[in-house]
């Protein structure tokens, strides 16, 4: 009969004690396009990476998974949302899609239906949703207004949190864009994070 625990017993006990803490972290899924994927800059400089650091600094027990894809449209997001939800089981989903729909002039009704489907899928998995609005240049005319209105309409119907415009405070500053005049620079990412944070913070428990 052993009077003292073996090294193996000690390690197993330690692992059992640590397991609940390791599993306690909740997941925030960022589900967007190149504006969230960090196109043209280092991935660790993109706003989702800055979000992960802010959560850590504030000792908020969340992981951030950035499932954003450059060039993604709302249709593309709709086809892959269920797999992403199954893989990551997020408690919060940040939906930041639509910019490519607008730039390509895709039907507003299609954008509306896709965003509704994406948000609905997340809600069916008991995730809270933050919908991030987008804008396109005013020279698109009435389409630009209808496009932007979709985000508020979906947020109202699905009762989700809403950020009015991801690029608020950035879109009017040419120096905060890369040479393509479409993608924000690394210096702009903190501003994007602040915009998202205003909608996200109330969802964090």
N, C-alpha and C. Protein backbone atom coordinates (compact mmCIF):
# COMPACT_ATOMS: atom_id res chain seq x y z
N UNK A 1 0.85 -1.21 0.00
CA UNK A 1 0.00 0.00 0.00
C UNK A 1 0.88 1.25 0.00
N UNK A 2 0.53 2.20 -0.91
CA UNK A 2 1.33 3.41 -0.99
C UNK A 2 0.88 4.42 0.06
N UNK A 3 1.85 5.00 0.75
CA UNK A 3 1.53 6.02 1.76
C UNK A 3 1.51 7.41 1.15
N UNK A 4 2.21 7.58 0.04
CA UNK A 4 2.31 8.90 -0.59
C UNK A 4 1.85 8.79 -2.04
N UNK A 5 1.23 9.82 -2.56
CA UNK A 5 0.80 9.77 -3.96
C UNK A 5 1.99 9.75 -4.89
N UNK A 6 1.82 9.04 -6.01
CA UNK A 6 2.87 8.98 -7.00
C UNK A 6 2.88 10.27 -7.81
N UNK A 7 3.95 10.47 -8.57
CA UNK A 7 4.04 11.64 -9.45
C UNK A 7 2.89 11.64 -10.44
N UNK A 8 2.54 10.45 -10.92
CA UNK A 8 1.42 10.34 -11.87
C UNK A 8 0.13 10.82 -11.23
N UNK A 9 -0.12 10.41 -9.99
CA UNK A 9 -1.34 10.83 -9.29
C UNK A 9 -1.39 12.34 -9.11
N UNK A 10 -0.23 12.92 -8.78
CA UNK A 10 -0.16 14.37 -8.58
C UNK A 10 -0.47 15.10 -9.88
N UNK A 11 0.10 14.61 -11.00
CA UNK A 11 -0.12 15.25 -12.29
C UNK A 11 -1.58 15.14 -12.71
N UNK A 12 -2.17 13.96 -12.48
CA UNK A 12 -3.58 13.78 -12.85
C UNK A 12 -4.48 14.71 -12.05
N UNK A 13 -4.18 14.84 -10.78
CA UNK A 13 -4.97 15.74 -9.92
C UNK A 13 -4.84 17.18 -10.40
N UNK A 14 -3.63 17.58 -10.75
CA UNK A 14 -3.40 18.94 -11.24
C UNK A 14 -4.17 19.20 -12.52
N UNK A 15 -4.17 18.22 -13.42
CA UNK A 15 -4.88 18.38 -14.69
C UNK A 15 -6.38 18.50 -14.46
N UNK A 16 -6.91 17.71 -13.52
CA UNK A 16 -8.33 17.78 -13.22
C UNK A 16 -8.71 19.13 -12.63
N UNK A 17 -7.82 19.70 -11.84
CA UNK A 17 -8.09 21.01 -11.24
C UNK A 17 -8.00 22.11 -12.28
N UNK A 18 -7.09 21.94 -13.23
CA UNK A 18 -6.90 22.97 -14.25
C UNK A 18 -7.94 22.88 -15.36
N UNK A 19 -8.51 21.71 -15.59
CA UNK A 19 -9.42 21.52 -16.72
C UNK A 19 -10.60 22.47 -16.72
N UNK A 20 -11.31 22.66 -15.58
CA UNK A 20 -12.43 23.59 -15.60
C UNK A 20 -12.02 25.00 -15.99
N UNK A 21 -10.85 25.44 -15.51
CA UNK A 21 -10.40 26.80 -15.85
C UNK A 21 -10.09 26.90 -17.32
N UNK A 22 -9.48 25.83 -17.88
CA UNK A 22 -9.11 25.87 -19.29
C UNK A 22 -10.35 25.87 -20.16
N UNK A 23 -11.43 25.20 -19.69
CA UNK A 23 -12.63 25.12 -20.48
C UNK A 23 -13.57 26.31 -20.24
N UNK A 24 -13.24 27.13 -19.26
CA UNK A 24 -14.15 28.20 -18.87
C UNK A 24 -14.23 29.32 -19.90
N UNK A 25 -13.16 29.53 -20.66
CA UNK A 25 -13.13 30.63 -21.60
C UNK A 25 -14.24 30.49 -22.64
N UNK A 26 -14.97 31.57 -22.85
CA UNK A 26 -16.02 31.60 -23.86
C UNK A 26 -15.40 32.06 -25.18
N UNK A 27 -16.12 31.84 -26.25
CA UNK A 27 -15.59 32.17 -27.58
C UNK A 27 -16.39 33.27 -28.24
N UNK A 28 -15.68 34.24 -28.79
CA UNK A 28 -16.26 35.27 -29.65
C UNK A 28 -15.83 34.95 -31.07
N UNK A 29 -16.79 34.75 -31.95
CA UNK A 29 -16.51 34.45 -33.36
C UNK A 29 -16.67 35.71 -34.19
N UNK A 30 -15.60 36.12 -34.84
CA UNK A 30 -15.65 37.25 -35.77
C UNK A 30 -15.87 36.69 -37.16
N UNK A 31 -16.98 37.05 -37.77
CA UNK A 31 -17.41 36.43 -39.02
C UNK A 31 -17.58 37.54 -40.06
N UNK A 32 -16.48 37.85 -40.75
CA UNK A 32 -16.52 38.98 -41.66
C UNK A 32 -15.76 38.76 -42.95
N UNK A 33 -15.35 39.88 -43.54
CA UNK A 33 -14.63 39.86 -44.81
C UNK A 33 -13.25 40.46 -44.62
N UNK A 34 -12.67 41.03 -45.67
CA UNK A 34 -11.30 41.53 -45.60
C UNK A 34 -11.12 42.65 -44.59
N UNK A 35 -12.18 43.39 -44.29
CA UNK A 35 -12.08 44.47 -43.32
C UNK A 35 -11.82 43.93 -41.92
N UNK A 36 -12.19 42.69 -41.70
CA UNK A 36 -11.95 42.04 -40.41
C UNK A 36 -10.84 41.01 -40.48
N UNK A 37 -10.52 40.56 -41.70
CA UNK A 37 -9.45 39.57 -41.86
C UNK A 37 -8.06 40.20 -41.77
N UNK A 38 -8.01 41.53 -41.86
CA UNK A 38 -6.72 42.21 -41.79
C UNK A 38 -5.98 42.20 -43.11
N UNK A 39 -6.72 42.37 -44.19
CA UNK A 39 -6.11 42.37 -45.52
C UNK A 39 -5.00 43.42 -45.63
N UNK A 40 -3.84 42.99 -46.10
CA UNK A 40 -2.74 43.93 -46.36
C UNK A 40 -1.92 44.32 -45.14
N UNK A 41 -2.29 43.79 -43.98
CA UNK A 41 -1.52 44.09 -42.76
C UNK A 41 -1.24 42.76 -42.04
N UNK A 42 -0.41 42.81 -41.03
CA UNK A 42 -0.13 41.60 -40.25
C UNK A 42 -1.40 41.16 -39.52
N UNK A 43 -1.65 39.85 -39.49
CA UNK A 43 -2.86 39.37 -38.79
C UNK A 43 -2.93 39.83 -37.34
N UNK A 44 -1.77 39.95 -36.67
CA UNK A 44 -1.80 40.36 -35.26
C UNK A 44 -2.02 41.85 -35.08
N UNK A 45 -2.14 42.58 -36.21
CA UNK A 45 -2.44 44.01 -36.14
C UNK A 45 -3.90 44.31 -36.45
N UNK A 46 -4.63 43.31 -36.94
CA UNK A 46 -6.04 43.51 -37.30
C UNK A 46 -6.89 43.68 -36.04
N UNK A 47 -8.03 44.32 -36.19
CA UNK A 47 -8.83 44.65 -35.01
C UNK A 47 -9.27 43.43 -34.21
N UNK A 48 -9.56 42.25 -34.83
CA UNK A 48 -9.90 41.11 -33.97
C UNK A 48 -8.75 40.68 -33.05
N UNK A 49 -7.51 40.82 -33.53
CA UNK A 49 -6.36 40.51 -32.67
C UNK A 49 -6.25 41.53 -31.54
N UNK A 50 -6.53 42.79 -31.86
CA UNK A 50 -6.53 43.82 -30.83
C UNK A 50 -7.64 43.56 -29.81
N UNK A 51 -8.76 43.06 -30.30
CA UNK A 51 -9.86 42.71 -29.40
C UNK A 51 -9.42 41.63 -28.41
N UNK A 52 -8.73 40.62 -28.91
CA UNK A 52 -8.26 39.54 -28.03
C UNK A 52 -7.36 40.09 -26.92
N UNK A 53 -6.51 41.04 -27.30
CA UNK A 53 -5.60 41.62 -26.29
C UNK A 53 -6.37 42.49 -25.30
N UNK A 54 -7.37 43.21 -25.78
CA UNK A 54 -8.17 44.04 -24.86
C UNK A 54 -8.92 43.16 -23.86
N UNK A 55 -9.46 42.07 -24.32
CA UNK A 55 -10.17 41.16 -23.42
C UNK A 55 -9.22 40.60 -22.37
N UNK A 56 -8.02 40.26 -22.81
CA UNK A 56 -7.02 39.73 -21.88
C UNK A 56 -6.62 40.78 -20.85
N UNK A 57 -6.40 42.00 -21.34
CA UNK A 57 -5.99 43.08 -20.44
C UNK A 57 -7.06 43.37 -19.39
N UNK A 58 -8.31 43.21 -19.79
CA UNK A 58 -9.41 43.49 -18.87
C UNK A 58 -9.87 42.24 -18.11
N UNK A 59 -9.10 41.17 -18.28
CA UNK A 59 -9.36 39.91 -17.58
C UNK A 59 -10.77 39.39 -17.83
N UNK A 60 -11.20 39.54 -19.07
CA UNK A 60 -12.49 38.99 -19.49
C UNK A 60 -12.22 37.63 -20.14
N UNK A 61 -12.93 36.62 -19.68
CA UNK A 61 -12.61 35.24 -20.03
C UNK A 61 -13.21 34.84 -21.38
N UNK A 62 -12.66 35.40 -22.44
CA UNK A 62 -13.12 35.10 -23.80
C UNK A 62 -11.93 34.84 -24.71
N UNK A 63 -12.12 33.87 -25.61
CA UNK A 63 -11.20 33.68 -26.73
C UNK A 63 -11.81 34.34 -27.96
N UNK A 64 -10.96 34.77 -28.88
CA UNK A 64 -11.44 35.35 -30.13
C UNK A 64 -11.01 34.45 -31.28
N UNK A 65 -11.99 34.02 -32.07
CA UNK A 65 -11.70 33.26 -33.28
C UNK A 65 -12.08 34.14 -34.47
N UNK A 66 -11.11 34.42 -35.31
CA UNK A 66 -11.36 35.26 -36.48
C UNK A 66 -11.58 34.36 -37.70
N UNK A 67 -12.84 34.18 -38.07
CA UNK A 67 -13.19 33.35 -39.22
C UNK A 67 -13.54 34.20 -40.43
N UNK A 68 -12.93 35.38 -40.52
CA UNK A 68 -13.19 36.29 -41.63
C UNK A 68 -12.38 35.87 -42.85
N UNK A 69 -12.95 36.08 -44.04
CA UNK A 69 -12.30 35.71 -45.29
C UNK A 69 -12.34 36.90 -46.24
N UNK A 70 -11.21 37.27 -46.77
CA UNK A 70 -11.16 38.38 -47.73
C UNK A 70 -11.99 38.04 -48.97
N UNK A 71 -12.76 39.02 -49.41
CA UNK A 71 -13.60 38.83 -50.58
C UNK A 71 -14.95 38.21 -50.29
N UNK A 72 -15.21 37.85 -49.04
CA UNK A 72 -16.45 37.17 -48.69
C UNK A 72 -17.66 38.07 -48.87
N UNK A 73 -18.71 37.50 -49.42
CA UNK A 73 -20.00 38.17 -49.52
C UNK A 73 -20.94 37.57 -48.47
N UNK A 74 -22.11 38.16 -48.35
CA UNK A 74 -23.08 37.60 -47.40
C UNK A 74 -23.53 36.20 -47.83
N UNK A 75 -23.56 35.96 -49.14
CA UNK A 75 -23.93 34.62 -49.63
C UNK A 75 -22.90 33.59 -49.20
N UNK A 76 -21.61 33.95 -49.33
CA UNK A 76 -20.56 33.05 -48.90
C UNK A 76 -20.64 32.78 -47.41
N UNK A 77 -20.90 33.83 -46.65
CA UNK A 77 -21.03 33.67 -45.21
C UNK A 77 -22.19 32.77 -44.84
N UNK A 78 -23.26 32.90 -45.58
CA UNK A 78 -24.44 32.07 -45.30
C UNK A 78 -24.13 30.59 -45.49
N UNK A 79 -23.31 30.27 -46.49
CA UNK A 79 -23.01 28.87 -46.77
C UNK A 79 -22.09 28.24 -45.72
N UNK A 80 -21.34 29.06 -44.99
CA UNK A 80 -20.37 28.48 -44.06
C UNK A 80 -20.65 28.76 -42.58
N UNK A 81 -21.72 29.48 -42.29
CA UNK A 81 -21.97 29.83 -40.89
C UNK A 81 -22.25 28.61 -40.03
N UNK A 82 -23.01 27.65 -40.53
CA UNK A 82 -23.35 26.49 -39.71
C UNK A 82 -22.11 25.68 -39.33
N UNK A 83 -21.18 25.52 -40.27
CA UNK A 83 -19.94 24.79 -39.97
C UNK A 83 -19.11 25.54 -38.94
N UNK A 84 -19.07 26.86 -39.04
CA UNK A 84 -18.31 27.66 -38.08
C UNK A 84 -18.92 27.57 -36.70
N UNK A 85 -20.23 27.61 -36.63
CA UNK A 85 -20.91 27.51 -35.33
C UNK A 85 -20.67 26.14 -34.70
N UNK A 86 -20.71 25.10 -35.52
CA UNK A 86 -20.49 23.75 -35.00
C UNK A 86 -19.05 23.57 -34.53
N UNK A 87 -18.13 24.18 -35.23
CA UNK A 87 -16.72 24.01 -34.89
C UNK A 87 -16.32 24.78 -33.63
N UNK A 88 -16.81 26.01 -33.50
CA UNK A 88 -16.31 26.86 -32.42
C UNK A 88 -17.29 27.05 -31.26
N UNK A 89 -18.56 26.72 -31.45
CA UNK A 89 -19.57 26.87 -30.40
C UNK A 89 -19.45 28.21 -29.69
N UNK A 90 -19.53 29.31 -30.42
CA UNK A 90 -19.31 30.63 -29.80
C UNK A 90 -20.48 31.07 -28.93
N UNK A 91 -20.15 31.88 -27.93
CA UNK A 91 -21.18 32.52 -27.12
C UNK A 91 -21.61 33.85 -27.74
N UNK A 92 -20.70 34.46 -28.51
CA UNK A 92 -20.98 35.73 -29.18
C UNK A 92 -20.49 35.62 -30.62
N UNK A 93 -21.31 36.08 -31.56
CA UNK A 93 -20.92 36.12 -32.97
C UNK A 93 -20.99 37.56 -33.45
N UNK A 94 -19.88 38.05 -33.98
CA UNK A 94 -19.83 39.38 -34.58
C UNK A 94 -19.94 39.20 -36.08
N UNK A 95 -21.06 39.60 -36.64
CA UNK A 95 -21.30 39.45 -38.08
C UNK A 95 -20.93 40.76 -38.76
N UNK A 96 -19.85 40.72 -39.55
CA UNK A 96 -19.34 41.94 -40.19
C UNK A 96 -19.20 41.71 -41.69
N UNK A 97 -20.31 41.33 -42.31
CA UNK A 97 -20.35 41.06 -43.74
C UNK A 97 -21.24 42.07 -44.46
N UNK A 98 -21.06 42.16 -45.77
CA UNK A 98 -21.93 43.01 -46.57
C UNK A 98 -21.20 44.01 -47.44
N UNK A 99 -19.99 44.38 -47.05
CA UNK A 99 -19.26 45.40 -47.83
C UNK A 99 -19.06 44.96 -49.27
N UNK A 100 -18.73 43.70 -49.49
CA UNK A 100 -18.51 43.23 -50.86
C UNK A 100 -19.81 43.13 -51.64
N UNK A 101 -20.90 42.85 -50.95
CA UNK A 101 -22.21 42.88 -51.62
C UNK A 101 -22.46 44.28 -52.18
N UNK A 102 -22.20 45.29 -51.34
CA UNK A 102 -22.46 46.66 -51.75
C UNK A 102 -21.56 47.11 -52.88
N UNK A 103 -20.28 46.81 -52.79
CA UNK A 103 -19.34 47.24 -53.82
C UNK A 103 -19.64 46.58 -55.17
N UNK A 104 -20.22 45.38 -55.12
CA UNK A 104 -20.57 44.68 -56.36
C UNK A 104 -21.99 45.00 -56.83
N UNK A 105 -22.70 45.78 -56.04
CA UNK A 105 -24.06 46.15 -56.42
C UNK A 105 -25.03 44.99 -56.39
N UNK A 106 -24.80 44.02 -55.51
CA UNK A 106 -25.70 42.88 -55.43
C UNK A 106 -27.04 43.30 -54.83
N UNK A 107 -28.09 42.58 -55.13
CA UNK A 107 -29.44 42.99 -54.68
C UNK A 107 -29.53 43.16 -53.17
N UNK A 108 -30.16 44.25 -52.77
CA UNK A 108 -30.33 44.53 -51.35
C UNK A 108 -31.17 43.45 -50.68
N UNK A 109 -32.19 42.96 -51.38
CA UNK A 109 -33.04 41.92 -50.83
C UNK A 109 -32.24 40.65 -50.53
N UNK A 110 -31.26 40.37 -51.37
CA UNK A 110 -30.40 39.20 -51.16
C UNK A 110 -29.54 39.38 -49.92
N UNK A 111 -28.99 40.57 -49.76
CA UNK A 111 -28.19 40.88 -48.57
C UNK A 111 -29.05 40.72 -47.32
N UNK A 112 -30.24 41.25 -47.37
CA UNK A 112 -31.16 41.18 -46.23
C UNK A 112 -31.43 39.72 -45.85
N UNK A 113 -31.76 38.91 -46.85
CA UNK A 113 -32.09 37.50 -46.59
C UNK A 113 -30.88 36.74 -46.04
N UNK A 114 -29.70 37.02 -46.58
CA UNK A 114 -28.50 36.32 -46.12
C UNK A 114 -28.14 36.69 -44.68
N UNK A 115 -28.19 37.98 -44.37
CA UNK A 115 -27.88 38.41 -43.01
C UNK A 115 -28.89 37.84 -42.01
N UNK A 116 -30.15 37.84 -42.40
CA UNK A 116 -31.18 37.25 -41.53
C UNK A 116 -30.87 35.79 -41.26
N UNK A 117 -30.48 35.05 -42.30
CA UNK A 117 -30.20 33.63 -42.15
C UNK A 117 -28.98 33.40 -41.25
N UNK A 118 -27.95 34.20 -41.43
CA UNK A 118 -26.73 34.06 -40.63
C UNK A 118 -27.02 34.35 -39.16
N UNK A 119 -27.72 35.44 -38.91
CA UNK A 119 -28.06 35.81 -37.53
C UNK A 119 -28.97 34.75 -36.91
N UNK A 120 -29.94 34.28 -37.67
CA UNK A 120 -30.86 33.28 -37.16
C UNK A 120 -30.12 31.99 -36.78
N UNK A 121 -29.18 31.58 -37.62
CA UNK A 121 -28.41 30.37 -37.32
C UNK A 121 -27.65 30.52 -36.01
N UNK A 122 -27.03 31.68 -35.81
CA UNK A 122 -26.29 31.92 -34.58
C UNK A 122 -27.21 31.92 -33.37
N UNK A 123 -28.36 32.55 -33.51
CA UNK A 123 -29.31 32.61 -32.40
C UNK A 123 -29.88 31.24 -32.06
N UNK A 124 -30.07 30.40 -33.06
CA UNK A 124 -30.56 29.05 -32.81
C UNK A 124 -29.56 28.25 -31.99
N UNK A 125 -28.28 28.62 -32.07
CA UNK A 125 -27.25 27.97 -31.27
C UNK A 125 -27.03 28.69 -29.94
N UNK A 126 -27.97 29.59 -29.59
CA UNK A 126 -27.95 30.31 -28.32
C UNK A 126 -26.80 31.32 -28.21
N UNK A 127 -26.28 31.75 -29.34
CA UNK A 127 -25.23 32.76 -29.33
C UNK A 127 -25.85 34.16 -29.39
N UNK A 128 -25.22 35.10 -28.70
CA UNK A 128 -25.60 36.50 -28.86
C UNK A 128 -24.94 37.03 -30.13
N UNK A 129 -25.60 37.95 -30.79
CA UNK A 129 -25.10 38.44 -32.08
C UNK A 129 -24.92 39.95 -32.04
N UNK A 130 -23.79 40.38 -32.57
CA UNK A 130 -23.55 41.80 -32.84
C UNK A 130 -23.44 41.95 -34.35
N UNK A 131 -24.36 42.70 -34.93
CA UNK A 131 -24.35 42.95 -36.37
C UNK A 131 -23.63 44.26 -36.63
N UNK A 132 -22.64 44.21 -37.51
CA UNK A 132 -21.82 45.39 -37.79
C UNK A 132 -22.22 45.96 -39.14
N UNK A 133 -22.71 47.19 -39.14
CA UNK A 133 -23.18 47.83 -40.35
C UNK A 133 -22.06 48.30 -41.27
N UNK A 134 -22.39 48.40 -42.54
CA UNK A 134 -21.44 48.87 -43.55
C UNK A 134 -22.09 49.99 -44.37
N UNK A 135 -21.27 50.78 -44.98
CA UNK A 135 -21.74 51.81 -45.90
C UNK A 135 -20.94 51.72 -47.19
N UNK A 136 -21.52 52.23 -48.26
CA UNK A 136 -20.81 52.35 -49.53
C UNK A 136 -20.88 53.81 -49.97
N UNK A 137 -20.00 54.23 -50.89
CA UNK A 137 -19.95 55.65 -51.28
C UNK A 137 -21.31 56.17 -51.73
N UNK A 138 -21.60 57.45 -51.43
CA UNK A 138 -22.90 58.03 -51.78
C UNK A 138 -23.15 58.12 -53.29
N UNK A 139 -22.10 57.98 -54.11
CA UNK A 139 -22.33 58.05 -55.55
C UNK A 139 -23.08 56.82 -56.07
N UNK A 140 -23.34 55.86 -55.19
CA UNK A 140 -24.20 54.74 -55.55
C UNK A 140 -25.68 55.14 -55.50
N UNK A 141 -25.94 56.35 -55.08
CA UNK A 141 -27.30 56.88 -55.09
C UNK A 141 -28.22 56.22 -54.10
N UNK A 142 -29.48 55.99 -54.53
CA UNK A 142 -30.50 55.40 -53.65
C UNK A 142 -30.08 54.03 -53.16
N UNK A 143 -29.32 53.32 -53.96
CA UNK A 143 -28.86 51.99 -53.57
C UNK A 143 -28.03 52.07 -52.29
N UNK A 144 -27.21 53.11 -52.15
CA UNK A 144 -26.36 53.25 -50.97
C UNK A 144 -27.20 53.38 -49.70
N UNK A 145 -28.29 54.12 -49.80
CA UNK A 145 -29.18 54.30 -48.65
C UNK A 145 -29.88 52.99 -48.31
N UNK A 146 -30.42 52.34 -49.33
CA UNK A 146 -31.11 51.07 -49.11
C UNK A 146 -30.16 50.02 -48.54
N UNK A 147 -28.94 50.02 -49.03
CA UNK A 147 -27.93 49.08 -48.57
C UNK A 147 -27.67 49.26 -47.07
N UNK A 148 -27.41 50.48 -46.67
CA UNK A 148 -27.10 50.73 -45.26
C UNK A 148 -28.29 50.43 -44.36
N UNK A 149 -29.50 50.70 -44.84
CA UNK A 149 -30.70 50.49 -44.03
C UNK A 149 -30.93 49.01 -43.71
N UNK A 150 -30.38 48.12 -44.52
CA UNK A 150 -30.58 46.69 -44.30
C UNK A 150 -30.09 46.25 -42.92
N UNK A 151 -28.95 46.77 -42.50
CA UNK A 151 -28.35 46.32 -41.24
C UNK A 151 -29.24 46.66 -40.04
N UNK A 152 -29.76 47.87 -40.03
CA UNK A 152 -30.65 48.27 -38.94
C UNK A 152 -31.94 47.46 -38.98
N UNK A 153 -32.43 47.17 -40.19
CA UNK A 153 -33.67 46.41 -40.33
C UNK A 153 -33.50 44.99 -39.80
N UNK A 154 -32.38 44.36 -40.15
CA UNK A 154 -32.13 42.99 -39.66
C UNK A 154 -31.94 42.99 -38.15
N UNK A 155 -31.19 43.96 -37.65
CA UNK A 155 -30.96 44.03 -36.21
C UNK A 155 -32.27 44.21 -35.45
N UNK A 156 -33.17 45.00 -36.00
CA UNK A 156 -34.46 45.22 -35.35
C UNK A 156 -35.31 43.96 -35.38
N UNK A 157 -35.37 43.32 -36.54
CA UNK A 157 -36.19 42.12 -36.68
C UNK A 157 -35.68 40.98 -35.80
N UNK A 158 -34.35 40.81 -35.79
CA UNK A 158 -33.75 39.70 -35.05
C UNK A 158 -33.38 40.09 -33.61
N UNK A 159 -33.60 41.35 -33.26
CA UNK A 159 -33.33 41.85 -31.91
C UNK A 159 -31.87 41.60 -31.50
N UNK A 160 -30.99 42.06 -32.35
CA UNK A 160 -29.57 41.93 -32.06
C UNK A 160 -28.96 43.30 -31.76
N UNK A 161 -27.77 43.27 -31.18
CA UNK A 161 -27.00 44.50 -31.01
C UNK A 161 -26.51 44.95 -32.39
N UNK A 162 -26.28 46.24 -32.53
CA UNK A 162 -25.91 46.81 -33.83
C UNK A 162 -24.82 47.85 -33.68
N UNK A 163 -23.82 47.77 -34.54
CA UNK A 163 -22.85 48.84 -34.73
C UNK A 163 -23.22 49.49 -36.07
N UNK A 164 -23.46 50.78 -36.07
CA UNK A 164 -23.99 51.44 -37.27
C UNK A 164 -23.03 51.35 -38.46
N UNK A 165 -21.71 51.52 -38.21
CA UNK A 165 -20.77 51.56 -39.33
C UNK A 165 -19.39 51.20 -38.83
N UNK A 166 -18.84 50.11 -39.36
CA UNK A 166 -17.53 49.64 -38.92
C UNK A 166 -16.45 50.70 -39.11
N UNK A 167 -16.52 51.45 -40.21
CA UNK A 167 -15.47 52.40 -40.55
C UNK A 167 -15.77 53.82 -40.08
N UNK A 168 -16.66 53.95 -39.11
CA UNK A 168 -16.97 55.26 -38.56
C UNK A 168 -15.69 55.92 -38.03
N UNK A 169 -15.45 57.17 -38.44
CA UNK A 169 -14.25 57.87 -38.01
C UNK A 169 -13.02 57.53 -38.82
N UNK A 170 -13.14 56.55 -39.70
CA UNK A 170 -12.01 56.13 -40.55
C UNK A 170 -12.28 56.47 -42.02
N UNK A 171 -13.51 56.26 -42.44
CA UNK A 171 -13.86 56.42 -43.86
C UNK A 171 -13.55 57.81 -44.41
N UNK A 172 -13.56 58.82 -43.55
CA UNK A 172 -13.34 60.19 -44.00
C UNK A 172 -11.87 60.62 -43.93
N UNK A 173 -10.99 59.67 -43.57
CA UNK A 173 -9.57 59.99 -43.43
C UNK A 173 -8.74 59.16 -44.42
N UNK A 174 -8.44 59.71 -45.58
CA UNK A 174 -7.70 58.97 -46.62
C UNK A 174 -6.38 58.38 -46.14
N UNK A 175 -5.74 59.04 -45.18
CA UNK A 175 -4.43 58.56 -44.71
C UNK A 175 -4.54 57.26 -43.93
N UNK A 176 -5.76 56.88 -43.54
CA UNK A 176 -5.95 55.65 -42.78
C UNK A 176 -6.28 54.46 -43.69
N UNK A 177 -6.10 54.67 -45.01
CA UNK A 177 -6.35 53.58 -45.95
C UNK A 177 -5.08 53.21 -46.70
N UNK A 178 -5.01 51.95 -47.08
CA UNK A 178 -3.91 51.48 -47.89
C UNK A 178 -4.02 52.05 -49.30
N UNK A 179 -3.07 51.73 -50.13
CA UNK A 179 -3.01 52.34 -51.46
C UNK A 179 -4.21 51.99 -52.34
N UNK A 180 -4.94 50.92 -51.99
CA UNK A 180 -6.13 50.57 -52.78
C UNK A 180 -7.34 51.43 -52.43
N UNK A 181 -7.21 52.25 -51.39
CA UNK A 181 -8.29 53.13 -50.93
C UNK A 181 -9.53 52.37 -50.46
N UNK A 182 -9.36 51.09 -50.16
CA UNK A 182 -10.48 50.27 -49.69
C UNK A 182 -10.24 49.69 -48.31
N UNK A 183 -8.98 49.33 -48.04
CA UNK A 183 -8.68 48.60 -46.81
C UNK A 183 -7.92 49.48 -45.82
N UNK A 184 -8.40 49.52 -44.59
CA UNK A 184 -7.75 50.35 -43.57
C UNK A 184 -6.33 49.88 -43.25
N UNK A 185 -5.51 50.82 -42.86
CA UNK A 185 -4.14 50.53 -42.47
C UNK A 185 -4.10 49.94 -41.06
N UNK A 186 -2.90 49.53 -40.66
CA UNK A 186 -2.73 49.02 -39.30
C UNK A 186 -3.07 50.11 -38.28
N UNK A 187 -2.75 51.36 -38.62
CA UNK A 187 -3.00 52.48 -37.70
C UNK A 187 -4.49 52.70 -37.47
N UNK A 188 -5.32 52.25 -38.40
CA UNK A 188 -6.77 52.46 -38.27
C UNK A 188 -7.45 51.40 -37.43
N UNK A 189 -6.77 50.31 -37.16
CA UNK A 189 -7.43 49.15 -36.53
C UNK A 189 -7.95 49.44 -35.12
N UNK A 190 -7.24 50.28 -34.38
CA UNK A 190 -7.71 50.61 -33.03
C UNK A 190 -9.04 51.36 -33.09
N UNK A 191 -9.22 52.17 -34.12
CA UNK A 191 -10.49 52.88 -34.28
C UNK A 191 -11.62 51.91 -34.63
N UNK A 192 -11.31 50.93 -35.48
CA UNK A 192 -12.31 49.91 -35.82
C UNK A 192 -12.70 49.14 -34.56
N UNK A 193 -11.71 48.78 -33.77
CA UNK A 193 -12.00 48.06 -32.53
C UNK A 193 -12.89 48.89 -31.62
N UNK A 194 -12.61 50.17 -31.48
CA UNK A 194 -13.43 51.02 -30.62
C UNK A 194 -14.88 51.05 -31.11
N UNK A 195 -15.06 51.09 -32.43
CA UNK A 195 -16.42 51.07 -32.98
C UNK A 195 -17.14 49.77 -32.62
N UNK A 196 -16.44 48.65 -32.79
CA UNK A 196 -17.04 47.35 -32.47
C UNK A 196 -17.27 47.23 -30.97
N UNK A 197 -16.33 47.71 -30.18
CA UNK A 197 -16.40 47.56 -28.73
C UNK A 197 -17.66 48.19 -28.14
N UNK A 198 -18.07 49.31 -28.71
CA UNK A 198 -19.27 49.98 -28.18
C UNK A 198 -20.50 49.07 -28.25
N UNK A 199 -20.57 48.26 -29.29
CA UNK A 199 -21.68 47.33 -29.38
C UNK A 199 -21.45 46.03 -28.66
N UNK A 200 -20.20 45.65 -28.57
CA UNK A 200 -19.85 44.34 -27.99
C UNK A 200 -19.84 44.34 -26.48
N UNK A 201 -19.31 45.38 -25.88
CA UNK A 201 -19.11 45.40 -24.42
C UNK A 201 -20.36 45.03 -23.63
N UNK A 202 -21.55 45.54 -23.98
CA UNK A 202 -22.74 45.18 -23.20
C UNK A 202 -23.09 43.69 -23.28
N UNK A 203 -22.56 42.97 -24.28
CA UNK A 203 -22.89 41.55 -24.44
C UNK A 203 -22.00 40.65 -23.61
N UNK A 204 -20.91 41.19 -23.11
CA UNK A 204 -19.94 40.38 -22.39
C UNK A 204 -20.33 40.24 -20.93
N UNK A 205 -20.43 39.02 -20.48
CA UNK A 205 -20.89 38.77 -19.12
C UNK A 205 -19.81 37.99 -18.36
